[in-house]
């Protein structure tokens, strides 16, 4: 996965044309780019994101962001109830309890990201 200015992209290699192809993830607008080397691919990604941001600015459009900070989570009703009980006993909201729990997982799995 590549990252530039808060935008993320997945990359695949197409052996039939000997080229890397990338595409942004987790956003409505699709930004695609490619290259035959890692350096070319990275440069194309940066140019694509910069061109997108320039276009948004010139057209007065708010750029789409890959992560908005909101997650919709479906759980069984019993789990929702039990989560609410645990959160209340800990003196916090369900949202805060989930944020803390997610932060702990991220710290464990991606310690350099914090």
Protein backbone atom coordinates (compact mmCIF):
# COMPACT_ATOMS: atom_id res chain seq x y z
CA UNK A 1 0.00 0.00 0.00
CA UNK A 2 1.23 3.48 -0.86
CA UNK A 3 0.49 6.72 1.02
CA UNK A 4 0.80 10.33 -0.07
CA UNK A 5 -0.82 13.41 1.53
CA UNK A 6 -3.27 11.19 3.41
CA UNK A 7 -4.35 9.30 0.29
CA UNK A 8 -3.78 5.56 0.06
CA UNK A 9 -3.46 3.32 -2.97
CA UNK A 10 -3.21 -0.38 -3.65
CA UNK A 11 -0.76 -1.52 -6.30
CA UNK A 12 -0.72 -4.59 -8.53
CA UNK A 13 1.80 -5.80 -11.06
CA UNK A 14 0.52 -6.79 -14.51
CA UNK A 15 3.02 -9.30 -15.88
CA UNK A 16 1.42 -9.23 -19.33
CA UNK A 17 2.43 -5.58 -19.88
CA UNK A 18 5.30 -5.46 -17.36
CA UNK A 19 3.78 -2.51 -15.53
CA UNK A 20 2.62 -1.59 -12.05
CA UNK A 21 -0.92 -0.24 -11.75
CA UNK A 22 -2.21 1.66 -8.74
CA UNK A 23 -5.60 2.92 -7.63
CA UNK A 24 -6.68 4.92 -4.60
CA UNK A 25 -8.73 3.12 -1.97
CA UNK A 26 -11.60 4.02 0.36
CA UNK A 27 -12.84 7.08 -1.49
CA UNK A 28 -15.63 7.79 -4.00
CA UNK A 29 -13.31 9.45 -6.54
CA UNK A 30 -11.07 6.96 -8.30
CA UNK A 31 -7.47 8.00 -8.94
CA UNK A 32 -5.52 5.58 -11.13
CA UNK A 33 -1.84 5.68 -12.08
CA UNK A 34 0.90 3.40 -13.31
CA UNK A 35 4.57 2.92 -14.00
CA UNK A 36 7.19 0.42 -15.07
CA UNK A 37 9.46 1.00 -12.07
CA UNK A 38 8.81 1.66 -8.41
CA UNK A 39 10.19 5.17 -8.79
CA UNK A 40 7.97 5.85 -11.81
CA UNK A 41 4.96 4.43 -9.99
CA UNK A 42 5.60 6.59 -6.91
CA UNK A 43 6.07 9.70 -9.04
CA UNK A 44 2.85 8.99 -10.96
CA UNK A 45 0.96 8.54 -7.67
CA UNK A 46 2.22 11.88 -6.35
CA UNK A 47 1.43 13.64 -9.65
CA UNK A 48 -2.07 12.12 -9.74
CA UNK A 49 -2.90 13.17 -6.17
CA UNK A 50 -1.46 16.66 -6.72
CA UNK A 51 -3.42 17.07 -9.97
CA UNK A 52 -6.60 15.92 -8.22
CA UNK A 53 -6.11 18.40 -5.38
CA UNK A 54 -5.34 21.19 -7.86
CA UNK A 55 -8.49 20.34 -9.84
CA UNK A 56 -10.61 20.37 -6.67
CA UNK A 57 -9.17 23.74 -5.65
CA UNK A 58 -9.68 25.33 -9.08
CA UNK A 59 -13.27 24.04 -9.32
CA UNK A 60 -14.12 24.91 -5.70
CA UNK A 61 -14.83 21.25 -4.90
CA UNK A 62 -14.06 19.71 -1.52
CA UNK A 63 -11.56 16.87 -2.13
CA UNK A 64 -12.80 13.42 -1.22
CA UNK A 65 -10.91 12.02 1.73
CA UNK A 66 -10.14 8.31 1.98
CA UNK A 67 -11.01 8.10 5.66
CA UNK A 68 -13.68 10.27 7.22
CA UNK A 69 -13.34 9.04 10.81
CA UNK A 70 -16.69 7.32 10.93
CA UNK A 71 -17.24 3.55 10.99
CA UNK A 72 -20.58 1.80 10.79
CA UNK A 73 -20.49 -1.40 12.81
CA UNK A 74 -23.18 -4.08 13.00
CA UNK A 75 -23.27 -6.35 16.03
CA UNK A 76 -25.92 -8.64 17.50
CA UNK A 77 -28.33 -6.80 19.85
CA UNK A 78 -27.05 -8.76 22.86
CA UNK A 79 -23.48 -7.67 22.15
CA UNK A 80 -24.62 -4.05 21.80
CA UNK A 81 -26.40 -4.28 25.16
CA UNK A 82 -23.40 -5.87 26.88
CA UNK A 83 -21.04 -3.32 25.36
CA UNK A 84 -23.22 -0.50 26.67
CA UNK A 85 -23.24 -2.04 30.14
CA UNK A 86 -19.45 -2.42 30.17
CA UNK A 87 -18.92 1.13 28.91
CA UNK A 88 -21.28 2.58 31.55
CA UNK A 89 -19.51 0.63 34.30
CA UNK A 90 -16.22 2.10 33.05
CA UNK A 91 -17.73 5.61 33.08
CA UNK A 92 -17.54 6.18 29.33
CA UNK A 93 -19.59 6.02 26.18
CA UNK A 94 -19.65 3.01 23.87
CA UNK A 95 -17.91 5.17 21.27
CA UNK A 96 -15.06 6.05 23.66
CA UNK A 97 -14.69 2.41 24.76
CA UNK A 98 -14.45 1.31 21.12
CA UNK A 99 -11.96 4.10 20.34
CA UNK A 100 -9.76 3.00 23.25
CA UNK A 101 -9.98 -0.65 22.23
CA UNK A 102 -9.14 0.13 18.60
CA UNK A 103 -6.24 2.35 19.70
CA UNK A 104 -4.85 -0.54 21.77
CA UNK A 105 -5.00 -2.89 18.76
CA UNK A 106 -3.35 -0.31 16.50
CA UNK A 107 -0.60 0.31 19.06
CA UNK A 108 0.05 -3.43 19.25
CA UNK A 109 -0.04 -4.11 15.50
CA UNK A 110 1.31 -0.81 14.10
CA UNK A 111 3.42 0.75 16.86
CA UNK A 112 5.22 3.09 14.45
CA UNK A 113 1.95 4.63 13.16
CA UNK A 114 1.06 6.53 16.35
